[in-house]
Amino acid sequence: MAIETAVEREIMLADFGVAATFTPAAGGGGSIVGILDNDYEAADIGGSVSFAVSRPRFTCRTADVANASDGDSLVVEGINYVIRVVMNDGTGMTELMLEVA
């Protein structure tokens, strides 16, 4: 089932989201709600030992981060992140790829 309306997006974020503080480099910003995922992926750089790499990302309403860009900051659950990639999916939601600051 697609989440197609603003009301459905609000319900989803109310149920599964966490509060965050978005601060664009240009100033402004404020409190937003989104879903934080911080999974790990195995990285093989050659050799006999592999290691895990963290891939934090934050999914939120596009309207809340319409002016987001690489280098802006986001604070989620007390952790400071730098936004590295902004991916607007065209449905009203945006995924922010993050890096711990």
PDB file of N, CA and C in Angstrom:
ATOM      1  N   MET A   1       0.840  -1.179   0.000  1.00  0.00           N
ATOM      2  CA  MET A   1       0.000   0.000   0.000  1.00  0.00           C
ATOM      3  C   MET A   1       0.881   1.237   0.000  1.00  0.00           C
ATOM      4  N   ALA A   2       0.682   2.109  -0.929  1.00  0.00           N
ATOM      5  CA  ALA A   2       1.445   3.349  -1.013  1.00  0.00           C
ATOM      6  C   ALA A   2       0.890   4.377  -0.032  1.00  0.00           C
ATOM      7  N   ILE A   3       1.786   5.200   0.476  1.00  0.00           N
ATOM      8  CA  ILE A   3       1.379   6.303   1.339  1.00  0.00           C
ATOM      9  C   ILE A   3       1.292   7.513   0.431  1.00  0.00           C
ATOM     10  N   GLU A   4       0.074   7.877   0.050  1.00  0.00           N
ATOM     11  CA  GLU A   4      -0.114   8.819  -1.044  1.00  0.00           C
ATOM     12  C   GLU A   4      -0.601  10.198  -0.651  1.00  0.00           C
ATOM     13  N   THR A   5      -1.114  10.373   0.537  1.00  0.00           N
ATOM     14  CA  THR A   5      -1.630  11.680   0.900  1.00  0.00           C
ATOM     15  C   THR A   5      -0.852  12.250   2.075  1.00  0.00           C
ATOM     16  N   ALA A   6      -0.965  13.559   2.247  1.00  0.00           N
ATOM     17  CA  ALA A   6      -0.302  14.215   3.367  1.00  0.00           C
ATOM     18  C   ALA A   6      -0.799  13.659   4.703  1.00  0.00           C
ATOM     19  N   VAL A   7      -2.094  13.339   4.768  1.00  0.00           N
ATOM     20  CA  VAL A   7      -2.669  12.782   6.000  1.00  0.00           C
ATOM     21  C   VAL A   7      -2.042  11.425   6.310  1.00  0.00           C
ATOM     22  N   GLU A   8      -1.905  10.564   5.309  1.00  0.00           N
ATOM     23  CA  GLU A   8      -1.287   9.246   5.517  1.00  0.00           C
ATOM     24  C   GLU A   8       0.171   9.376   5.948  1.00  0.00           C
ATOM     25  N   ARG A   9       0.901  10.339   5.369  1.00  0.00           N
ATOM     26  CA  ARG A   9       2.293  10.552   5.773  1.00  0.00           C
ATOM     27  C   ARG A   9       2.368  11.008   7.222  1.00  0.00           C
ATOM     28  N   GLU A  10       1.473  11.906   7.615  1.00  0.00           N
ATOM     29  CA  GLU A  10       1.439  12.379   8.999  1.00  0.00           C
ATOM     30  C   GLU A  10       1.161  11.229   9.971  1.00  0.00           C
ATOM     31  N   ILE A  11       0.222  10.351   9.624  1.00  0.00           N
ATOM     32  CA  ILE A  11      -0.111   9.215  10.488  1.00  0.00           C
ATOM     33  C   ILE A  11       1.087   8.282  10.620  1.00  0.00           C
ATOM     34  N   MET A  12       1.740   7.973   9.503  1.00  0.00           N
ATOM     35  CA  MET A  12       2.895   7.087   9.543  1.00  0.00           C
ATOM     36  C   MET A  12       3.999   7.663  10.430  1.00  0.00           C
ATOM     37  N   LEU A  13       4.299   8.939  10.266  1.00  0.00           N
ATOM     38  CA  LEU A  13       5.355   9.552  11.066  1.00  0.00           C
ATOM     39  C   LEU A  13       4.966   9.679  12.531  1.00  0.00           C
ATOM     40  N   ALA A  14       3.695   9.908  12.815  1.00  0.00           N
ATOM     41  CA  ALA A  14       3.237   9.967  14.207  1.00  0.00           C
ATOM     42  C   ALA A  14       3.405   8.611  14.883  1.00  0.00           C
ATOM     43  N   ASP A  15       3.175   7.538  14.133  1.00  0.00           N
ATOM     44  CA  ASP A  15       3.284   6.190  14.692  1.00  0.00           C
ATOM     45  C   ASP A  15       4.730   5.714  14.827  1.00  0.00           C
ATOM     46  N   PHE A  16       5.581   6.020  13.844  1.00  0.00           N
ATOM     47  CA  PHE A  16       6.920   5.430  13.787  1.00  0.00           C
ATOM     48  C   PHE A  16       8.063   6.435  13.876  1.00  0.00           C
ATOM     49  N   GLY A  17       7.763   7.718  13.840  1.00  0.00           N
ATOM     50  CA  GLY A  17       8.809   8.729  13.761  1.00  0.00           C
ATOM     51  C   GLY A  17       9.384   9.152  15.100  1.00  0.00           C
ATOM     52  N   VAL A  18      10.519   9.845  15.005  1.00  0.00           N
ATOM     53  CA  VAL A  18      11.176  10.451  16.153  1.00  0.00           C
ATOM     54  C   VAL A  18      11.418  11.921  15.825  1.00  0.00           C
ATOM     55  N   ALA A  19      11.540  12.736  16.852  1.00  0.00           N
ATOM     56  CA  ALA A  19      11.791  14.161  16.654  1.00  0.00           C
ATOM     57  C   ALA A  19      13.252  14.390  16.291  1.00  0.00           C
ATOM     58  N   ALA A  20      13.485  15.395  15.453  1.00  0.00           N
ATOM     59  CA  ALA A  20      14.836  15.775  15.051  1.00  0.00           C
ATOM     60  C   ALA A  20      14.877  17.280  14.874  1.00  0.00           C
ATOM     61  N   THR A  21      16.086  17.833  14.911  1.00  0.00           N
ATOM     62  CA  THR A  21      16.283  19.253  14.647  1.00  0.00           C
ATOM     63  C   THR A  21      17.068  19.396  13.364  1.00  0.00           C
ATOM     64  N   PHE A  22      16.449  20.015  12.362  1.00  0.00           N
ATOM     65  CA  PHE A  22      17.068  20.229  11.060  1.00  0.00           C
ATOM     66  C   PHE A  22      17.581  21.663  10.995  1.00  0.00           C
ATOM     67  N   THR A  23      18.867  21.816  10.642  1.00  0.00           N
ATOM     68  CA  THR A  23      19.466  23.145  10.525  1.00  0.00           C
ATOM     69  C   THR A  23      20.187  23.269   9.195  1.00  0.00           C
ATOM     70  N   PRO A  24      19.596  24.004   8.240  1.00  0.00           N
ATOM     71  CA  PRO A  24      20.281  24.237   6.972  1.00  0.00           C
ATOM     72  C   PRO A  24      21.501  25.142   7.185  1.00  0.00           C
ATOM     73  N   ALA A  25      22.512  24.994   6.350  1.00  0.00           N
ATOM     74  CA  ALA A  25      23.703  25.834   6.440  1.00  0.00           C
ATOM     75  C   ALA A  25      23.339  27.305   6.260  1.00  0.00           C
ATOM     76  N   ALA A  26      22.292  27.582   5.482  1.00  0.00           N
ATOM     77  CA  ALA A  26      21.877  28.962   5.220  1.00  0.00           C
ATOM     78  C   ALA A  26      21.111  29.573   6.398  1.00  0.00           C
ATOM     79  N   GLY A  27      20.790  28.760   7.407  1.00  0.00           N
ATOM     80  CA  GLY A  27      20.048  29.249   8.559  1.00  0.00           C
ATOM     81  C   GLY A  27      18.598  28.822   8.522  1.00  0.00           C
ATOM     82  N   GLY A  28      17.927  29.029   9.621  1.00  0.00           N
ATOM     83  CA  GLY A  28      16.523  28.633   9.719  1.00  0.00           C
ATOM     84  C   GLY A  28      16.407  27.199  10.196  1.00  0.00           C
ATOM     85  N   GLY A  29      15.416  26.512   9.686  1.00  0.00           N
ATOM     86  CA  GLY A  29      15.193  25.122  10.084  1.00  0.00           C
ATOM     87  C   GLY A  29      14.318  25.043  11.308  1.00  0.00           C
ATOM     88  N   GLY A  30      14.355  23.899  11.966  1.00  0.00           N
ATOM     89  CA  GLY A  30      13.547  23.703  13.152  1.00  0.00           C
ATOM     90  C   GLY A  30      13.296  22.242  13.420  1.00  0.00           C
ATOM     91  N   SER A  31      12.288  21.979  14.218  1.00  0.00           N
ATOM     92  CA  SER A  31      11.964  20.615  14.626  1.00  0.00           C
ATOM     93  C   SER A  31      11.148  19.919  13.530  1.00  0.00           C
ATOM     94  N   ILE A  32      11.545  18.692  13.211  1.00  0.00           N
ATOM     95  CA  ILE A  32      10.828  17.867  12.238  1.00  0.00           C
ATOM     96  C   ILE A  32      10.683  16.463  12.812  1.00  0.00           C
ATOM     97  N   VAL A  33       9.884  15.645  12.168  1.00  0.00           N
ATOM     98  CA  VAL A  33       9.682  14.264  12.584  1.00  0.00           C
ATOM     99  C   VAL A  33      10.005  13.362  11.408  1.00  0.00           C
ATOM    100  N   GLY A  34      10.691  12.265  11.685  1.00  0.00           N
ATOM    101  CA  GLY A  34      11.026  11.312  10.635  1.00  0.00           C
ATOM    102  C   GLY A  34      11.411   9.973  11.222  1.00  0.00           C
ATOM    103  N   ILE A  35      11.759   9.062  10.350  1.00  0.00           N
ATOM    104  CA  ILE A  35      12.136   7.708  10.762  1.00  0.00           C
ATOM    105  C   ILE A  35      13.634   7.554  10.578  1.00  0.00           C
ATOM    106  N   LEU A  36      14.329   7.245  11.676  1.00  0.00           N
ATOM    107  CA  LEU A  36      15.770   7.044  11.642  1.00  0.00           C
ATOM    108  C   LEU A  36      16.070   5.561  11.471  1.00  0.00           C
ATOM    109  N   ASP A  37      16.825   5.243  10.439  1.00  0.00           N
ATOM    110  CA  ASP A  37      17.334   3.885  10.232  1.00  0.00           C
ATOM    111  C   ASP A  37      18.849   3.965  10.331  1.00  0.00           C
ATOM    112  N   ASN A  38      19.442   3.033  11.030  1.00  0.00           N
ATOM    113  CA  ASN A  38      20.888   3.038  11.179  1.00  0.00           C
ATOM    114  C   ASN A  38      21.382   1.592  11.104  1.00  0.00           C
ATOM    115  N   ASP A  39      21.231   1.002   9.928  1.00  0.00           N
ATOM    116  CA  ASP A  39      21.643  -0.381   9.770  1.00  0.00           C
ATOM    117  C   ASP A  39      23.142  -0.468   9.471  1.00  0.00           C
ATOM    118  N   TYR A  40      23.646  -1.664   9.521  1.00  0.00           N
ATOM    119  CA  TYR A  40      25.054  -1.911   9.251  1.00  0.00           C
ATOM    120  C   TYR A  40      25.179  -2.787   8.019  1.00  0.00           C
ATOM    121  N   GLU A  41      26.224  -2.552   7.277  1.00  0.00           N
ATOM    122  CA  GLU A  41      26.479  -3.310   6.064  1.00  0.00           C
ATOM    123  C   GLU A  41      27.906  -3.828   6.126  1.00  0.00           C
ATOM    124  N   ALA A  42      28.094  -5.083   5.775  1.00  0.00           N
ATOM    125  CA  ALA A  42      29.443  -5.644   5.760  1.00  0.00           C
ATOM    126  C   ALA A  42      30.250  -4.996   4.644  1.00  0.00           C
ATOM    127  N   ALA A  43      31.475  -4.649   4.958  1.00  0.00           N
ATOM    128  CA  ALA A  43      32.362  -4.034   3.967  1.00  0.00           C
ATOM    129  C   ALA A  43      33.569  -4.938   3.782  1.00  0.00           C
ATOM    130  N   ASP A  44      33.838  -5.297   2.550  1.00  0.00           N
ATOM    131  CA  ASP A  44      34.988  -6.137   2.244  1.00  0.00           C
ATOM    132  C   ASP A  44      35.999  -5.297   1.477  1.00  0.00           C
ATOM    133  N   ILE A  45      37.103  -4.986   2.124  1.00  0.00           N
ATOM    134  CA  ILE A  45      38.122  -4.166   1.476  1.00  0.00           C
ATOM    135  C   ILE A  45      39.333  -5.002   1.086  1.00  0.00           C
ATOM    136  N   GLY A  46      39.124  -6.300   1.040  1.00  0.00           N
ATOM    137  CA  GLY A  46      40.224  -7.202   0.727  1.00  0.00           C
ATOM    138  C   GLY A  46      40.888  -7.640   2.021  1.00  0.00           C
ATOM    139  N   GLY A  47      41.450  -8.765   1.999  1.00  0.00           N
ATOM    140  CA  GLY A  47      42.065  -9.285   3.213  1.00  0.00           C
ATOM    141  C   GLY A  47      41.172 -10.313   3.867  1.00  0.00           C
ATOM    142  N   SER A  48      41.564 -10.724   5.043  1.00  0.00           N
ATOM    143  CA  SER A  48      40.864 -11.826   5.691  1.00  0.00           C
ATOM    144  C   SER A  48      39.800 -11.382   6.690  1.00  0.00           C
ATOM    145  N   VAL A  49      39.768 -10.103   7.023  1.00  0.00           N
ATOM    146  CA  VAL A  49      38.808  -9.629   8.018  1.00  0.00           C
ATOM    147  C   VAL A  49      37.907  -8.569   7.385  1.00  0.00           C
ATOM    148  N   SER A  50      36.599  -8.791   7.453  1.00  0.00           N
ATOM    149  CA  SER A  50      35.673  -7.764   6.989  1.00  0.00           C
ATOM    150  C   SER A  50      35.177  -6.989   8.207  1.00  0.00           C
ATOM    151  N   PHE A  51      34.562  -5.868   7.975  1.00  0.00           N
ATOM    152  CA  PHE A  51      34.037  -5.085   9.079  1.00  0.00           C
ATOM    153  C   PHE A  51      32.698  -4.490   8.678  1.00  0.00           C
ATOM    154  N   ALA A  52      31.994  -3.933   9.651  1.00  0.00           N
ATOM    155  CA  ALA A  52      30.663  -3.369   9.399  1.00  0.00           C
ATOM    156  C   ALA A  52      30.749  -1.854   9.291  1.00  0.00           C
ATOM    157  N   VAL A  53      29.970  -1.315   8.385  1.00  0.00           N
ATOM    158  CA  VAL A  53      29.903   0.120   8.168  1.00  0.00           C
ATOM    159  C   VAL A  53      28.488   0.584   8.483  1.00  0.00           C
ATOM    160  N   SER A  54      28.366   1.620   9.291  1.00  0.00           N
ATOM    161  CA  SER A  54      27.073   2.184   9.638  1.00  0.00           C
ATOM    162  C   SER A  54      26.551   3.025   8.481  1.00  0.00           C
ATOM    163  N   ARG A  55      25.225   2.914   8.216  1.00  0.00           N
ATOM    164  CA  ARG A  55      24.592   3.684   7.141  1.00  0.00           C
ATOM    165  C   ARG A  55      23.360   4.406   7.679  1.00  0.00           C
ATOM    166  N   PRO A  56      23.554   5.473   8.487  1.00  0.00           N
ATOM    167  CA  PRO A  56      22.386   6.169   9.029  1.00  0.00           C
ATOM    168  C   PRO A  56      21.645   6.956   7.954  1.00  0.00           C
ATOM    169  N   ARG A  57      20.310   6.908   8.036  1.00  0.00           N
ATOM    170  CA  ARG A  57      19.477   7.689   7.126  1.00  0.00           C
ATOM    171  C   ARG A  57      18.185   8.061   7.845  1.00  0.00           C
ATOM    172  N   PHE A  58      17.609   9.153   7.390  1.00  0.00           N
ATOM    173  CA  PHE A  58      16.428   9.720   8.036  1.00  0.00           C
ATOM    174  C   PHE A  58      15.388   9.979   6.957  1.00  0.00           C
ATOM    175  N   THR A  59      14.214   9.399   7.107  1.00  0.00           N
ATOM    176  CA  THR A  59      13.131   9.563   6.139  1.00  0.00           C
ATOM    177  C   THR A  59      12.081  10.489   6.743  1.00  0.00           C
ATOM    178  N   CYS A  60      11.747  11.563   6.001  1.00  0.00           N
ATOM    179  CA  CYS A  60      10.825  12.562   6.523  1.00  0.00           C
ATOM    180  C   CYS A  60      10.009  13.168   5.381  1.00  0.00           C
ATOM    181  N   ARG A  61       9.093  14.063   5.725  1.00  0.00           N
ATOM    182  CA  ARG A  61       8.288  14.726   4.710  1.00  0.00           C
ATOM    183  C   ARG A  61       9.160  15.686   3.902  1.00  0.00           C
ATOM    184  N   THR A  62       9.010  15.670   2.607  1.00  0.00           N
ATOM    185  CA  THR A  62       9.759  16.565   1.729  1.00  0.00           C
ATOM    186  C   THR A  62       9.499  18.019   2.097  1.00  0.00           C
ATOM    187  N   ALA A  63       8.281  18.339   2.471  1.00  0.00           N
ATOM    188  CA  ALA A  63       7.933  19.722   2.831  1.00  0.00           C
ATOM    189  C   ALA A  63       8.769  20.228   4.011  1.00  0.00           C
ATOM    190  N   ASP A  64       9.191  19.328   4.886  1.00  0.00           N
ATOM    191  CA  ASP A  64       9.976  19.722   6.063  1.00  0.00           C
ATOM    192  C   ASP A  64      11.440  20.006   5.727  1.00  0.00           C
ATOM    193  N   VAL A  65      11.919  19.439   4.624  1.00  0.00           N
ATOM    194  CA  VAL A  65      13.344  19.589   4.260  1.00  0.00           C
ATOM    195  C   VAL A  65      13.499  20.002   2.797  1.00  0.00           C
ATOM    196  N   ALA A  66      12.567  20.813   2.319  1.00  0.00           N
ATOM    197  CA  ALA A  66      12.555  21.195   0.906  1.00  0.00           C
ATOM    198  C   ALA A  66      13.842  21.872   0.462  1.00  0.00           C
ATOM    199  N   ASN A  67      14.525  22.553   1.377  1.00  0.00           N
ATOM    200  CA  ASN A  67      15.762  23.247   1.033  1.00  0.00           C
ATOM    201  C   ASN A  67      17.008  22.526   1.555  1.00  0.00           C
ATOM    202  N   ALA A  68      16.891  21.253   1.900  1.00  0.00           N
ATOM    203  CA  ALA A  68      18.032  20.494   2.435  1.00  0.00           C
ATOM    204  C   ALA A  68      19.081  20.261   1.358  1.00  0.00           C
ATOM    205  N   SER A  69      20.345  20.278   1.778  1.00  0.00           N
ATOM    206  CA  SER A  69      21.440  19.990   0.847  1.00  0.00           C
ATOM    207  C   SER A  69      22.631  19.429   1.605  1.00  0.00           C
ATOM    208  N   ASP A  70      23.593  18.939   0.865  1.00  0.00           N
ATOM    209  CA  ASP A  70      24.821  18.379   1.427  1.00  0.00           C
ATOM    210  C   ASP A  70      25.477  19.409   2.343  1.00  0.00           C
ATOM    211  N   GLY A  71      25.779  18.984   3.564  1.00  0.00           N
ATOM    212  CA  GLY A  71      26.442  19.862   4.522  1.00  0.00           C
ATOM    213  C   GLY A  71      25.528  20.425   5.586  1.00  0.00           C
ATOM    214  N   ASP A  72      24.211  20.331   5.389  1.00  0.00           N
ATOM    215  CA  ASP A  72      23.280  20.771   6.425  1.00  0.00           C
ATOM    216  C   ASP A  72      23.381  19.820   7.607  1.00  0.00           C
ATOM    217  N   SER A  73      22.825  20.216   8.741  1.00  0.00           N
ATOM    218  CA  SER A  73      22.929  19.354   9.917  1.00  0.00           C
ATOM    219  C   SER A  73      21.566  18.893  10.413  1.00  0.00           C
ATOM    220  N   LEU A  74      21.601  17.754  11.086  1.00  0.00           N
ATOM    221  CA  LEU A  74      20.411  17.136  11.658  1.00  0.00           C
ATOM    222  C   LEU A  74      20.816  16.521  12.984  1.00  0.00           C
ATOM    223  N   VAL A  75      20.050  16.794  14.027  1.00  0.00           N
ATOM    224  CA  VAL A  75      20.291  16.190  15.330  1.00  0.00           C
ATOM    225  C   VAL A  75      19.124  15.262  15.631  1.00  0.00           C
ATOM    226  N   VAL A  76      19.442  13.979  15.834  1.00  0.00           N
ATOM    227  CA  VAL A  76      18.421  12.967  16.120  1.00  0.00           C
ATOM    228  C   VAL A  76      18.862  12.185  17.348  1.00  0.00           C
ATOM    229  N   GLU A  77      17.983  12.130  18.339  1.00  0.00           N
ATOM    230  CA  GLU A  77      18.249  11.382  19.571  1.00  0.00           C
ATOM    231  C   GLU A  77      19.602  11.760  20.173  1.00  0.00           C
ATOM    232  N   GLY A  78      19.912  13.055  20.145  1.00  0.00           N
ATOM    233  CA  GLY A  78      21.129  13.573  20.757  1.00  0.00           C
ATOM    234  C   GLY A  78      22.403  13.372  19.955  1.00  0.00           C
ATOM    235  N   ILE A  79      22.298  12.833  18.763  1.00  0.00           N
ATOM    236  CA  ILE A  79      23.480  12.606  17.918  1.00  0.00           C
ATOM    237  C   ILE A  79      23.474  13.622  16.785  1.00  0.00           C
ATOM    238  N   ASN A  80      24.605  14.280  16.581  1.00  0.00           N
ATOM    239  CA  ASN A  80      24.754  15.267  15.512  1.00  0.00           C
ATOM    240  C   ASN A  80      25.163  14.576  14.226  1.00  0.00           C
ATOM    241  N   TYR A  81      24.413  14.848  13.154  1.00  0.00           N
ATOM    242  CA  TYR A  81      24.699  14.282  11.839  1.00  0.00           C
ATOM    243  C   TYR A  81      24.902  15.409  10.832  1.00  0.00           C
ATOM    244  N   VAL A  82      25.662  15.111   9.794  1.00  0.00           N
ATOM    245  CA  VAL A  82      25.784  15.981   8.637  1.00  0.00           C
ATOM    246  C   VAL A  82      25.041  15.280   7.505  1.00  0.00           C
ATOM    247  N   ILE A  83      24.199  16.017   6.813  1.00  0.00           N
ATOM    248  CA  ILE A  83      23.473  15.457   5.668  1.00  0.00           C
ATOM    249  C   ILE A  83      24.435  15.369   4.496  1.00  0.00           C
ATOM    250  N   ARG A  84      24.529  14.187   3.888  1.00  0.00           N
ATOM    251  CA  ARG A  84      25.441  13.974   2.769  1.00  0.00           C
ATOM    252  C   ARG A  84      24.723  13.799   1.436  1.00  0.00           C
ATOM    253  N   VAL A  85      23.535  13.198   1.450  1.00  0.00           N
ATOM    254  CA  VAL A  85      22.778  13.002   0.212  1.00  0.00           C
ATOM    255  C   VAL A  85      21.305  13.251   0.525  1.00  0.00           C
ATOM    256  N   VAL A  86      20.633  13.987  -0.345  1.00  0.00           N
ATOM    257  CA  VAL A  86      19.204  14.257  -0.208  1.00  0.00           C
ATOM    258  C   VAL A  86      18.496  13.563  -1.367  1.00  0.00           C
ATOM    259  N   MET A  87      17.593  12.621  -1.043  1.00  0.00           N
ATOM    260  CA  MET A  87      16.898  11.857  -2.075  1.00  0.00           C
ATOM    261  C   MET A  87      15.383  12.045  -1.936  1.00  0.00           C
ATOM    262  N   ASN A  88      14.838  12.936  -2.744  1.00  0.00           N
ATOM    263  CA  ASN A  88      13.401  13.172  -2.791  1.00  0.00           C
ATOM    264  C   ASN A  88      12.796  12.068  -3.660  1.00  0.00           C
ATOM    265  N   ASP A  89      11.864  11.292  -3.111  1.00  0.00           N
ATOM    266  CA  ASP A  89      11.327  10.157  -3.875  1.00  0.00           C
ATOM    267  C   ASP A  89      10.147  10.523  -4.780  1.00  0.00           C
ATOM    268  N   GLY A  90       9.757  11.787  -4.782  1.00  0.00           N
ATOM    269  CA  GLY A  90       8.671  12.208  -5.655  1.00  0.00           C
ATOM    270  C   GLY A  90       7.277  11.919  -5.121  1.00  0.00           C
ATOM    271  N   THR A  91       7.179  11.349  -3.919  1.00  0.00           N
ATOM    272  CA  THR A  91       5.872  11.029  -3.343  1.00  0.00           C
ATOM    273  C   THR A  91       5.561  11.873  -2.118  1.00  0.00           C
ATOM    274  N   GLY A  92       6.403  12.856  -1.838  1.00  0.00           N
ATOM    275  CA  GLY A  92       6.206  13.676  -0.651  1.00  0.00           C
ATOM    276  C   GLY A  92       7.107  13.287   0.501  1.00  0.00           C
ATOM    277  N   MET A  93       7.958  12.286   0.276  1.00  0.00           N
ATOM    278  CA  MET A  93       8.903  11.852   1.303  1.00  0.00           C
ATOM    279  C   MET A  93      10.328  12.025   0.771  1.00  0.00           C
ATOM    280  N   THR A  94      11.256  12.306   1.677  1.00  0.00           N
ATOM    281  CA  THR A  94      12.657  12.475   1.323  1.00  0.00           C
ATOM    282  C   THR A  94      13.507  11.652   2.272  1.00  0.00           C
ATOM    283  N   GLU A  95      14.515  11.015   1.721  1.00  0.00           N
ATOM    284  CA  GLU A  95      15.467  10.242   2.507  1.00  0.00           C
ATOM    285  C   GLU A  95      16.779  11.019   2.554  1.00  0.00           C
ATOM    286  N   LEU A  96      17.274  11.254   3.779  1.00  0.00           N
ATOM    287  CA  LEU A  96      18.527  11.958   3.981  1.00  0.00           C
ATOM    288  C   LEU A  96      19.585  10.941   4.401  1.00  0.00           C
ATOM    289  N   MET A  97      20.623  10.814   3.612  1.00  0.00           N
ATOM    290  CA  MET A  97      21.762   9.956   3.980  1.00  0.00           C
ATOM    291  C   MET A  97      22.643  10.784   4.892  1.00  0.00           C
ATOM    292  N   LEU A  98      23.006  10.218   6.032  1.00  0.00           N
ATOM    293  CA  LEU A  98      23.680  10.971   7.090  1.00  0.00           C
ATOM    294  C   LEU A  98      25.080  10.461   7.376  1.00  0.00           C
ATOM    295  N   GLU A  99      25.870  11.327   7.996  1.00  0.00           N
ATOM    296  CA  GLU A  99      27.198  10.977   8.486  1.00  0.00           C
ATOM    297  C   GLU A  99      27.304  11.559   9.888  1.00  0.00           C
ATOM    298  N   VAL A 100      27.823  10.788  10.826  1.00  0.00           N
ATOM    299  CA  VAL A 100      27.974  11.310  12.193  1.00  0.00           C
ATOM    300  C   VAL A 100      28.969  12.451  12.150  1.00  0.00           C
ATOM    301  N   ALA A 101      28.584  13.577  12.788  1.00  0.00           N
ATOM    302  CA  ALA A 101      29.450  14.775  12.775  1.00  0.00           C
ATOM    303  C   ALA A 101      30.581  14.631  13.767  1.00  0.00           C
TER     304      ALA A 101
END
